[in-house]
C-alpha atoms as a PDB file:
ATOM      1  CA  UNK A   1     -27.907  61.991  55.898  1.00  0.00           C
ATOM      2  CA  UNK A   2     -24.711  64.354  55.829  1.00  0.00           C
ATOM      3  CA  UNK A   3     -21.959  61.999  54.228  1.00  0.00           C
ATOM      4  CA  UNK A   4     -17.903  62.414  56.240  1.00  0.00           C
ATOM      5  CA  UNK A   5     -14.836  60.617  55.310  1.00  0.00           C
ATOM      6  CA  UNK A   6     -15.883  57.423  57.310  1.00  0.00           C
ATOM      7  CA  UNK A   7     -18.957  56.618  55.250  1.00  0.00           C
ATOM      8  CA  UNK A   8     -17.999  58.234  51.556  1.00  0.00           C
ATOM      9  CA  UNK A   9     -17.365  55.949  49.286  1.00  0.00           C
ATOM     10  CA  UNK A  10     -15.634  57.666  46.162  1.00  0.00           C
ATOM     11  CA  UNK A  11     -16.894  57.008  42.882  1.00  0.00           C
ATOM     12  CA  UNK A  12     -13.789  56.173  40.258  1.00  0.00           C
ATOM     13  CA  UNK A  13     -14.241  56.822  36.744  1.00  0.00           C
ATOM     14  CA  UNK A  14     -11.197  54.875  34.641  1.00  0.00           C
ATOM     15  CA  UNK A  15     -10.611  55.487  31.178  1.00  0.00           C
ATOM     16  CA  UNK A  16      -8.445  52.221  30.172  1.00  0.00           C
ATOM     17  CA  UNK A  17      -6.791  50.936  26.888  1.00  0.00           C
ATOM     18  CA  UNK A  18      -8.130  48.094  25.434  1.00  0.00           C
ATOM     19  CA  UNK A  19      -5.394  46.399  24.587  1.00  0.00           C
ATOM     20  CA  UNK A  20      -3.294  46.668  28.095  1.00  0.00           C
ATOM     21  CA  UNK A  21      -5.266  47.689  31.373  1.00  0.00           C
ATOM     22  CA  UNK A  22      -8.714  46.421  30.397  1.00  0.00           C
ATOM     23  CA  UNK A  23      -6.811  43.116  29.589  1.00  0.00           C
ATOM     24  CA  UNK A  24      -4.691  43.377  32.826  1.00  0.00           C
ATOM     25  CA  UNK A  25      -8.188  44.381  35.140  1.00  0.00           C
ATOM     26  CA  UNK A  26      -9.434  41.052  33.180  1.00  0.00           C
ATOM     27  CA  UNK A  27      -6.339  38.866  34.187  1.00  0.00           C
ATOM     28  CA  UNK A  28      -7.019  40.167  38.184  1.00  0.00           C
ATOM     29  CA  UNK A  29     -10.701  39.342  38.369  1.00  0.00           C
ATOM     30  CA  UNK A  30      -9.753  36.022  36.517  1.00  0.00           C
ATOM     31  CA  UNK A  31      -7.100  35.394  38.858  1.00  0.00           C
ATOM     32  CA  UNK A  32      -9.668  35.899  41.448  1.00  0.00           C
ATOM     33  CA  UNK A  33      -7.776  39.085  43.115  1.00  0.00           C
ATOM     34  CA  UNK A  34      -9.834  41.317  45.245  1.00  0.00           C
ATOM     35  CA  UNK A  35     -10.057  44.865  45.076  1.00  0.00           C
ATOM     36  CA  UNK A  36     -12.037  47.960  45.675  1.00  0.00           C
ATOM     37  CA  UNK A  37     -15.443  47.819  43.493  1.00  0.00           C
ATOM     38  CA  UNK A  38     -15.936  51.523  43.459  1.00  0.00           C
ATOM     39  CA  UNK A  39     -14.204  51.890  40.034  1.00  0.00           C
ATOM     40  CA  UNK A  40     -16.018  51.864  36.562  1.00  0.00           C
ATOM     41  CA  UNK A  41     -14.261  51.326  33.661  1.00  0.00           C
ATOM     42  CA  UNK A  42     -14.728  52.783  30.700  1.00  0.00           C
ATOM     43  CA  UNK A  43     -13.310  51.082  27.595  1.00  0.00           C
ATOM     44  CA  UNK A  44     -11.600  53.058  24.458  1.00  0.00           C
ATOM     45  CA  UNK A  45      -9.146  51.278  21.796  1.00  0.00           C
ATOM     46  CA  UNK A  46      -6.215  53.571  23.306  1.00  0.00           C
ATOM     47  CA  UNK A  47      -5.340  55.847  25.489  1.00  0.00           C
ATOM     48  CA  UNK A  48      -4.675  58.431  22.944  1.00  0.00           C
ATOM     49  CA  UNK A  49      -8.141  58.614  21.621  1.00  0.00           C
ATOM     50  CA  UNK A  50      -9.227  60.072  25.565  1.00  0.00           C
ATOM     51  CA  UNK A  51     -10.380  63.436  24.865  1.00  0.00           C
ATOM     52  CA  UNK A  52      -9.786  65.663  28.158  1.00  0.00           C
ATOM     53  CA  UNK A  53     -13.353  66.827  27.577  1.00  0.00           C
ATOM     54  CA  UNK A  54     -14.359  62.963  28.667  1.00  0.00           C
ATOM     55  CA  UNK A  55     -12.702  63.030  32.291  1.00  0.00           C
ATOM     56  CA  UNK A  56     -14.198  66.890  32.331  1.00  0.00           C
ATOM     57  CA  UNK A  57     -17.600  65.041  32.301  1.00  0.00           C
ATOM     58  CA  UNK A  58     -16.351  62.688  33.989  1.00  0.00           C
ATOM     59  CA  UNK A  59     -16.307  64.777  37.192  1.00  0.00           C
ATOM     60  CA  UNK A  60     -19.679  66.551  36.061  1.00  0.00           C
ATOM     61  CA  UNK A  61     -21.151  63.222  36.251  1.00  0.00           C
ATOM     62  CA  UNK A  62     -20.221  63.033  39.999  1.00  0.00           C
ATOM     63  CA  UNK A  63     -16.701  61.221  39.975  1.00  0.00           C
ATOM     64  CA  UNK A  64     -15.415  61.850  42.646  1.00  0.00           C
ATOM     65  CA  UNK A  65     -11.955  60.761  41.126  1.00  0.00           C
ATOM     66  CA  UNK A  66     -10.664  59.798  37.355  1.00  0.00           C
ATOM     67  CA  UNK A  67      -8.181  56.914  36.264  1.00  0.00           C
ATOM     68  CA  UNK A  68      -6.614  56.555  33.169  1.00  0.00           C
ATOM     69  CA  UNK A  69      -4.773  53.566  32.819  1.00  0.00           C
ATOM     70  CA  UNK A  70      -2.797  52.211  29.138  1.00  0.00           C
ATOM     71  CA  UNK A  71       0.358  50.462  27.923  1.00  0.00           C
ATOM     72  CA  UNK A  72       3.415  51.412  28.991  1.00  0.00           C
ATOM     73  CA  UNK A  73       5.175  53.604  26.410  1.00  0.00           C
ATOM     74  CA  UNK A  74       6.587  51.365  23.821  1.00  0.00           C
ATOM     75  CA  UNK A  75       4.330  48.639  23.694  1.00  0.00           C
ATOM     76  CA  UNK A  76       0.899  50.933  22.441  1.00  0.00           C
ATOM     77  CA  UNK A  77      -1.107  48.952  19.821  1.00  0.00           C
ATOM     78  CA  UNK A  78      -1.227  51.975  17.730  1.00  0.00           C
ATOM     79  CA  UNK A  79       2.575  52.672  17.680  1.00  0.00           C
ATOM     80  CA  UNK A  80       1.927  56.162  19.469  1.00  0.00           C
ATOM     81  CA  UNK A  81      -1.024  56.554  20.871  1.00  0.00           C
ATOM     82  CA  UNK A  82       0.154  56.534  24.930  1.00  0.00           C
ATOM     83  CA  UNK A  83       2.747  59.215  23.709  1.00  0.00           C
ATOM     84  CA  UNK A  84      -0.084  61.410  22.568  1.00  0.00           C
ATOM     85  CA  UNK A  85      -2.167  60.799  25.974  1.00  0.00           C
ATOM     86  CA  UNK A  86       1.048  61.377  28.171  1.00  0.00           C
ATOM     87  CA  UNK A  87       1.061  64.541  26.108  1.00  0.00           C
ATOM     88  CA  UNK A  88      -2.183  65.699  26.433  1.00  0.00           C
ATOM     89  CA  UNK A  89      -1.786  64.791  30.410  1.00  0.00           C
ATOM     90  CA  UNK A  90       0.376  67.232  30.738  1.00  0.00           C
ATOM     91  CA  UNK A  91      -1.167  70.273  28.574  1.00  0.00           C
ATOM     92  CA  UNK A  92      -4.122  68.988  31.039  1.00  0.00           C
ATOM     93  CA  UNK A  93      -3.073  69.753  34.001  1.00  0.00           C
ATOM     94  CA  UNK A  94      -2.816  73.530  33.702  1.00  0.00           C
ATOM     95  CA  UNK A  95      -6.378  73.462  32.945  1.00  0.00           C
ATOM     96  CA  UNK A  96      -7.528  71.295  35.468  1.00  0.00           C
ATOM     97  CA  UNK A  97      -5.806  73.569  37.881  1.00  0.00           C
ATOM     98  CA  UNK A  98      -7.370  77.157  35.778  1.00  0.00           C
ATOM     99  CA  UNK A  99     -10.887  74.750  36.924  1.00  0.00           C
ATOM    100  CA  UNK A 100      -9.862  73.853  40.133  1.00  0.00           C
ATOM    101  CA  UNK A 101      -9.838  70.465  40.238  1.00  0.00           C
ATOM    102  CA  UNK A 102      -6.947  69.259  42.056  1.00  0.00           C
ATOM    103  CA  UNK A 103      -4.617  66.566  40.521  1.00  0.00           C
ATOM    104  CA  UNK A 104      -4.755  64.487  43.089  1.00  0.00           C
ATOM    105  CA  UNK A 105      -7.915  63.893  41.830  1.00  0.00           C
ATOM    106  CA  UNK A 106      -6.473  62.271  38.562  1.00  0.00           C
ATOM    107  CA  UNK A 107      -4.443  59.016  38.012  1.00  0.00           C
ATOM    108  CA  UNK A 108      -2.155  58.063  34.841  1.00  0.00           C
ATOM    109  CA  UNK A 109      -0.564  54.588  35.379  1.00  0.00           C
ATOM    110  CA  UNK A 110       0.584  52.217  32.898  1.00  0.00           C
ATOM    111  CA  UNK A 111      -0.691  48.683  33.279  1.00  0.00           C
ATOM    112  CA  UNK A 112      -0.138  45.900  31.095  1.00  0.00           C
ATOM    113  CA  UNK A 113      -2.424  43.002  29.923  1.00  0.00           C
ATOM    114  CA  UNK A 114       0.207  40.527  32.050  1.00  0.00           C
ATOM    115  CA  UNK A 115      -0.263  42.665  35.174  1.00  0.00           C
ATOM    116  CA  UNK A 116      -2.774  42.255  36.852  1.00  0.00           C
ATOM    117  CA  UNK A 117      -1.513  42.738  40.394  1.00  0.00           C
ATOM    118  CA  UNK A 118      -0.367  46.194  39.300  1.00  0.00           C
ATOM    119  CA  UNK A 119      -4.069  47.087  38.183  1.00  0.00           C
ATOM    120  CA  UNK A 120      -5.174  45.833  41.707  1.00  0.00           C
ATOM    121  CA  UNK A 121      -2.742  47.955  43.079  1.00  0.00           C
ATOM    122  CA  UNK A 122      -3.518  51.332  41.493  1.00  0.00           C
ATOM    123  CA  UNK A 123      -7.147  51.000  41.854  1.00  0.00           C
ATOM    124  CA  UNK A 124      -6.905  50.569  45.548  1.00  0.00           C
ATOM    125  CA  UNK A 125      -4.111  52.946  46.389  1.00  0.00           C
ATOM    126  CA  UNK A 126      -6.006  55.437  44.234  1.00  0.00           C
ATOM    127  CA  UNK A 127      -9.342  54.726  45.312  1.00  0.00           C
ATOM    128  CA  UNK A 128      -7.536  55.501  49.236  1.00  0.00           C
ATOM    129  CA  UNK A 129      -6.253  58.793  48.355  1.00  0.00           C
ATOM    130  CA  UNK A 130      -9.792  59.852  46.844  1.00  0.00           C
ATOM    131  CA  UNK A 131     -11.235  58.671  49.834  1.00  0.00           C
ATOM    132  CA  UNK A 132      -8.983  60.738  51.742  1.00  0.00           C
ATOM    133  CA  UNK A 133      -9.666  63.402  50.443  1.00  0.00           C
ATOM    134  CA  UNK A 134     -13.888  63.226  50.390  1.00  0.00           C
ATOM    135  CA  UNK A 135     -16.176  63.631  48.000  1.00  0.00           C
ATOM    136  CA  UNK A 136     -15.692  66.360  44.914  1.00  0.00           C
ATOM    137  CA  UNK A 137     -18.258  68.987  45.450  1.00  0.00           C
ATOM    138  CA  UNK A 138     -17.124  71.348  43.305  1.00  0.00           C
ATOM    139  CA  UNK A 139     -19.428  71.027  39.934  1.00  0.00           C
ATOM    140  CA  UNK A 140     -22.727  69.761  42.309  1.00  0.00           C
ATOM    141  CA  UNK A 141     -23.815  73.568  42.471  1.00  0.00           C
ATOM    142  CA  UNK A 142     -23.334  73.281  38.557  1.00  0.00           C
ATOM    143  CA  UNK A 143     -25.219  70.823  38.043  1.00  0.00           C
ATOM    144  CA  UNK A 144     -28.149  70.966  40.559  1.00  0.00           C
ATOM    145  CA  UNK A 145     -28.736  74.949  38.368  1.00  0.00           C
ATOM    146  CA  UNK A 146     -28.428  72.714  34.946  1.00  0.00           C
ATOM    147  CA  UNK A 147     -31.243  70.577  36.207  1.00  0.00           C
ATOM    148  CA  UNK A 148     -33.306  72.826  37.719  1.00  0.00           C
ATOM    149  CA  UNK A 149     -33.140  75.508  34.457  1.00  0.00           C
ATOM    150  CA  UNK A 150     -32.026  73.554  31.673  1.00  0.00           C
END
């Protein structure tokens, strides 16, 4: 069956801060707020610990979009982790462009532990955005060659 944008459901990988965004997602869940089930979360101590290779690996493994979310600037439990993440993101955008990954497939946000509604809005908005872009297939052939020749 050939997939088109009408029946396509994007796979989103979310790298989230344990202290803020993950807790905000938990608040959304306990408050019974509805959000799209497309997101698979990977909880890390801090967004400052996200290696850019994690993001590339997510795309290599079939993600159509990647969400990175953590504490608001100035509220990091590790003092400056989110500032490190923001600086990395600025540099990482150049690498994405070089690799042919449209930066609309990656979303960086700040969501605190008390912002369950904001988490829902970020997830739903980003999922809709990635859905309009269609499946990410740039690395698909690379993966198939690796599996066959690997």
